[in-house]
Amino acid sequence: MHNGVLIHENVEVTGPTRASHFTDEKPLGPLMLQGDHGPVAYRNIRLRLVTLP
């Protein structure tokens, strides 16, 4: 969800992204936000752990 809009649902990720800083995939890890290419600001970021059935 991003601003109340569903972005992805039931999407399989087969490995790290091309810009991954880590080669070993982990179920939990750091959340890294990139904003160094222009006037970007983050505020009111909420992270919620979702458990799958």
PDB file of N, CA and C in Angstrom:
ATOM      1  N   MET A   1       0.848  -1.174   0.000  1.00  0.00           N
ATOM      2  CA  MET A   1       0.000   0.000   0.000  1.00  0.00           C
ATOM      3  C   MET A   1       0.892   1.236   0.000  1.00  0.00           C
ATOM      4  N   HIS A   2       0.527   2.192  -0.794  1.00  0.00           N
ATOM      5  CA  HIS A   2       1.223   3.476  -0.823  1.00  0.00           C
ATOM      6  C   HIS A   2       0.157   4.557  -0.869  1.00  0.00           C
ATOM      7  N   ASN A   3       0.080   5.320   0.204  1.00  0.00           N
ATOM      8  CA  ASN A   3      -0.939   6.365   0.310  1.00  0.00           C
ATOM      9  C   ASN A   3      -2.345   5.804   0.085  1.00  0.00           C
ATOM     10  N   GLY A   4      -2.589   4.600   0.625  1.00  0.00           N
ATOM     11  CA  GLY A   4      -3.908   3.998   0.528  1.00  0.00           C
ATOM     12  C   GLY A   4      -4.212   3.306  -0.785  1.00  0.00           C
ATOM     13  N   VAL A   5      -3.228   3.210  -1.681  1.00  0.00           N
ATOM     14  CA  VAL A   5      -3.425   2.576  -2.981  1.00  0.00           C
ATOM     15  C   VAL A   5      -2.613   1.286  -3.029  1.00  0.00           C
ATOM     16  N   LEU A   6      -3.244   0.169  -3.417  1.00  0.00           N
ATOM     17  CA  LEU A   6      -2.552  -1.101  -3.533  1.00  0.00           C
ATOM     18  C   LEU A   6      -1.587  -1.047  -4.707  1.00  0.00           C
ATOM     19  N   ILE A   7      -0.304  -1.322  -4.443  1.00  0.00           N
ATOM     20  CA  ILE A   7       0.716  -1.261  -5.490  1.00  0.00           C
ATOM     21  C   ILE A   7       1.002  -2.659  -6.040  1.00  0.00           C
ATOM     22  N   HIS A   8       1.298  -3.613  -5.153  1.00  0.00           N
ATOM     23  CA  HIS A   8       1.575  -4.989  -5.570  1.00  0.00           C
ATOM     24  C   HIS A   8       0.797  -5.949  -4.684  1.00  0.00           C
ATOM     25  N   GLU A   9       0.344  -7.047  -5.264  1.00  0.00           N
ATOM     26  CA  GLU A   9      -0.311  -8.090  -4.494  1.00  0.00           C
ATOM     27  C   GLU A   9       0.016  -9.431  -5.127  1.00  0.00           C
ATOM     28  N   ASN A  10       0.475 -10.368  -4.286  1.00  0.00           N
ATOM     29  CA  ASN A  10       0.829 -11.710  -4.745  1.00  0.00           C
ATOM     30  C   ASN A  10       1.855 -11.682  -5.874  1.00  0.00           C
ATOM     31  N   VAL A  11       2.912 -10.898  -5.698  1.00  0.00           N
ATOM     32  CA  VAL A  11       3.981 -10.803  -6.677  1.00  0.00           C
ATOM     33  C   VAL A  11       5.176 -11.581  -6.148  1.00  0.00           C
ATOM     34  N   GLU A  12       5.669 -12.536  -6.930  1.00  0.00           N
ATOM     35  CA  GLU A  12       6.823 -13.324  -6.513  1.00  0.00           C
ATOM     36  C   GLU A  12       8.103 -12.577  -6.862  1.00  0.00           C
ATOM     37  N   VAL A  13       8.956 -12.426  -5.880  1.00  0.00           N
ATOM     38  CA  VAL A  13      10.264 -11.818  -6.094  1.00  0.00           C
ATOM     39  C   VAL A  13      11.270 -12.956  -6.069  1.00  0.00           C
ATOM     40  N   THR A  14      11.947 -13.186  -7.181  1.00  0.00           N
ATOM     41  CA  THR A  14      12.806 -14.360  -7.306  1.00  0.00           C
ATOM     42  C   THR A  14      14.222 -14.129  -6.807  1.00  0.00           C
ATOM     43  N   GLY A  15      14.574 -12.918  -6.437  1.00  0.00           N
ATOM     44  CA  GLY A  15      15.919 -12.643  -5.939  1.00  0.00           C
ATOM     45  C   GLY A  15      16.066 -11.172  -5.632  1.00  0.00           C
ATOM     46  N   PRO A  16      17.263 -10.774  -5.261  1.00  0.00           N
ATOM     47  CA  PRO A  16      17.484  -9.358  -4.962  1.00  0.00           C
ATOM     48  C   PRO A  16      17.306  -8.489  -6.207  1.00  0.00           C
ATOM     49  N   THR A  17      17.001  -7.231  -5.990  1.00  0.00           N
ATOM     50  CA  THR A  17      16.877  -6.307  -7.124  1.00  0.00           C
ATOM     51  C   THR A  17      18.255  -5.993  -7.681  1.00  0.00           C
ATOM     52  N   ARG A  18      18.296  -5.381  -8.829  1.00  0.00           N
ATOM     53  CA  ARG A  18      19.575  -5.059  -9.468  1.00  0.00           C
ATOM     54  C   ARG A  18      20.424  -4.126  -8.619  1.00  0.00           C
ATOM     55  N   ALA A  19      19.794  -3.299  -7.814  1.00  0.00           N
ATOM     56  CA  ALA A  19      20.525  -2.323  -7.007  1.00  0.00           C
ATOM     57  C   ALA A  19      20.737  -2.817  -5.575  1.00  0.00           C
ATOM     58  N   SER A  20      20.613  -4.110  -5.357  1.00  0.00           N
ATOM     59  CA  SER A  20      20.723  -4.658  -4.011  1.00  0.00           C
ATOM     60  C   SER A  20      22.116  -4.447  -3.445  1.00  0.00           C
ATOM     61  N   HIS A  21      22.160  -4.088  -2.173  1.00  0.00           N
ATOM     62  CA  HIS A  21      23.439  -3.923  -1.483  1.00  0.00           C
ATOM     63  C   HIS A  21      23.889  -5.230  -0.843  1.00  0.00           C
ATOM     64  N   PHE A  22      23.007  -6.213  -0.803  1.00  0.00           N
ATOM     65  CA  PHE A  22      23.304  -7.475  -0.140  1.00  0.00           C
ATOM     66  C   PHE A  22      23.092  -8.624  -1.116  1.00  0.00           C
ATOM     67  N   THR A  23      23.966  -9.602  -1.078  1.00  0.00           N
ATOM     68  CA  THR A  23      23.817 -10.753  -1.973  1.00  0.00           C
ATOM     69  C   THR A  23      23.026 -11.872  -1.327  1.00  0.00           C
ATOM     70  N   ASP A  24      22.961 -11.889   0.007  1.00  0.00           N
ATOM     71  CA  ASP A  24      22.195 -12.930   0.693  1.00  0.00           C
ATOM     72  C   ASP A  24      20.802 -12.419   1.027  1.00  0.00           C
ATOM     73  N   GLU A  25      19.802 -13.126   0.546  1.00  0.00           N
ATOM     74  CA  GLU A  25      18.414 -12.709   0.757  1.00  0.00           C
ATOM     75  C   GLU A  25      17.959 -13.138   2.143  1.00  0.00           C
ATOM     76  N   LYS A  26      17.288 -12.239   2.853  1.00  0.00           N
ATOM     77  CA  LYS A  26      16.815 -12.514   4.208  1.00  0.00           C
ATOM     78  C   LYS A  26      15.342 -12.146   4.308  1.00  0.00           C
ATOM     79  N   PRO A  27      14.579 -12.858   5.150  1.00  0.00           N
ATOM     80  CA  PRO A  27      13.161 -12.537   5.293  1.00  0.00           C
ATOM     81  C   PRO A  27      12.936 -11.195   5.981  1.00  0.00           C
ATOM     82  N   LEU A  28      13.841 -10.810   6.867  1.00  0.00           N
ATOM     83  CA  LEU A  28      13.750  -9.515   7.542  1.00  0.00           C
ATOM     84  C   LEU A  28      15.090  -8.816   7.402  1.00  0.00           C
ATOM     85  N   GLY A  29      15.056  -7.546   7.172  1.00  0.00           N
ATOM     86  CA  GLY A  29      16.303  -6.806   7.026  1.00  0.00           C
ATOM     87  C   GLY A  29      16.041  -5.323   7.084  1.00  0.00           C
ATOM     88  N   PRO A  30      17.020  -4.537   6.736  1.00  0.00           N
ATOM     89  CA  PRO A  30      16.849  -3.084   6.805  1.00  0.00           C
ATOM     90  C   PRO A  30      15.938  -2.563   5.697  1.00  0.00           C
ATOM     91  N   LEU A  31      15.189  -1.548   6.023  1.00  0.00           N
ATOM     92  CA  LEU A  31      14.396  -0.833   5.033  1.00  0.00           C
ATOM     93  C   LEU A  31      15.221   0.372   4.619  1.00  0.00           C
ATOM     94  N   MET A  32      15.597   0.428   3.340  1.00  0.00           N
ATOM     95  CA  MET A  32      16.470   1.498   2.879  1.00  0.00           C
ATOM     96  C   MET A  32      15.727   2.333   1.844  1.00  0.00           C
ATOM     97  N   LEU A  33      15.665   3.620   2.074  1.00  0.00           N
ATOM     98  CA  LEU A  33      14.986   4.550   1.170  1.00  0.00           C
ATOM     99  C   LEU A  33      16.036   5.408   0.474  1.00  0.00           C
ATOM    100  N   GLN A  34      15.891   5.547  -0.835  1.00  0.00           N
ATOM    101  CA  GLN A  34      16.848   6.321  -1.598  1.00  0.00           C
ATOM    102  C   GLN A  34      16.207   7.636  -1.988  1.00  0.00           C
ATOM    103  N   GLY A  35      16.897   8.717  -1.760  1.00  0.00           N
ATOM    104  CA  GLY A  35      16.360  10.016  -2.133  1.00  0.00           C
ATOM    105  C   GLY A  35      17.455  11.017  -2.387  1.00  0.00           C
ATOM    106  N   ASP A  36      18.493  10.616  -3.108  1.00  0.00           N
ATOM    107  CA  ASP A  36      19.631  11.505  -3.321  1.00  0.00           C
ATOM    108  C   ASP A  36      19.723  12.041  -4.749  1.00  0.00           C
ATOM    109  N   HIS A  37      18.630  11.951  -5.501  1.00  0.00           N
ATOM    110  CA  HIS A  37      18.663  12.413  -6.891  1.00  0.00           C
ATOM    111  C   HIS A  37      17.793  13.639  -7.122  1.00  0.00           C
ATOM    112  N   GLY A  38      17.445  14.347  -6.074  1.00  0.00           N
ATOM    113  CA  GLY A  38      16.612  15.536  -6.241  1.00  0.00           C
ATOM    114  C   GLY A  38      15.956  15.914  -4.925  1.00  0.00           C
ATOM    115  N   PRO A  39      15.009  16.828  -4.995  1.00  0.00           N
ATOM    116  CA  PRO A  39      14.354  17.317  -3.779  1.00  0.00           C
ATOM    117  C   PRO A  39      13.330  16.306  -3.240  1.00  0.00           C
ATOM    118  N   VAL A  40      13.787  15.356  -2.472  1.00  0.00           N
ATOM    119  CA  VAL A  40      12.929  14.310  -1.909  1.00  0.00           C
ATOM    120  C   VAL A  40      12.949  14.413  -0.403  1.00  0.00           C
ATOM    121  N   ALA A  41      11.782  14.285   0.213  1.00  0.00           N
ATOM    122  CA  ALA A  41      11.693  14.290   1.673  1.00  0.00           C
ATOM    123  C   ALA A  41      10.740  13.188   2.096  1.00  0.00           C
ATOM    124  N   TYR A  42      11.047  12.542   3.199  1.00  0.00           N
ATOM    125  CA  TYR A  42      10.192  11.489   3.742  1.00  0.00           C
ATOM    126  C   TYR A  42       9.662  11.954   5.086  1.00  0.00           C
ATOM    127  N   ARG A  43       8.419  11.629   5.359  1.00  0.00           N
ATOM    128  CA  ARG A  43       7.845  11.922   6.667  1.00  0.00           C
ATOM    129  C   ARG A  43       6.701  10.948   6.932  1.00  0.00           C
ATOM    130  N   ASN A  44       6.429  10.748   8.203  1.00  0.00           N
ATOM    131  CA  ASN A  44       5.328   9.880   8.631  1.00  0.00           C
ATOM    132  C   ASN A  44       5.410   8.488   8.008  1.00  0.00           C
ATOM    133  N   ILE A  45       6.588   7.900   8.047  1.00  0.00           N
ATOM    134  CA  ILE A  45       6.761   6.548   7.508  1.00  0.00           C
ATOM    135  C   ILE A  45       6.351   5.557   8.584  1.00  0.00           C
ATOM    136  N   ARG A  46       5.443   4.673   8.232  1.00  0.00           N
ATOM    137  CA  ARG A  46       4.978   3.640   9.159  1.00  0.00           C
ATOM    138  C   ARG A  46       5.230   2.282   8.540  1.00  0.00           C
ATOM    139  N   LEU A  47       5.847   1.413   9.295  1.00  0.00           N
ATOM    140  CA  LEU A  47       6.143   0.065   8.854  1.00  0.00           C
ATOM    141  C   LEU A  47       5.332  -0.900   9.684  1.00  0.00           C
ATOM    142  N   ARG A  48       4.633  -1.804   9.013  1.00  0.00           N
ATOM    143  CA  ARG A  48       3.783  -2.773   9.696  1.00  0.00           C
ATOM    144  C   ARG A  48       4.160  -4.166   9.229  1.00  0.00           C
ATOM    145  N   LEU A  49       4.475  -5.054  10.173  1.00  0.00           N
ATOM    146  CA  LEU A  49       4.810  -6.418   9.862  1.00  0.00           C
ATOM    147  C   LEU A  49       3.538  -7.169   9.466  1.00  0.00           C
ATOM    148  N   VAL A  50       3.549  -7.790   8.315  1.00  0.00           N
ATOM    149  CA  VAL A  50       2.403  -8.547   7.816  1.00  0.00           C
ATOM    150  C   VAL A  50       2.778 -10.010   7.827  1.00  0.00           C
ATOM    151  N   THR A  51       1.998 -10.823   8.500  1.00  0.00           N
ATOM    152  CA  THR A  51       2.263 -12.255   8.526  1.00  0.00           C
ATOM    153  C   THR A  51       1.414 -12.942   7.473  1.00  0.00           C
ATOM    154  N   LEU A  52       2.013 -13.877   6.780  1.00  0.00           N
ATOM    155  CA  LEU A  52       1.301 -14.605   5.733  1.00  0.00           C
ATOM    156  C   LEU A  52       0.725 -15.885   6.324  1.00  0.00           C
ATOM    157  N   PRO A  53      -0.390 -16.342   5.781  1.00  0.00           N
ATOM    158  CA  PRO A  53      -1.010 -17.570   6.301  1.00  0.00           C
ATOM    159  C   PRO A  53      -0.165 -18.804   6.060  1.00  0.00           C
TER     160      PRO A  53
END
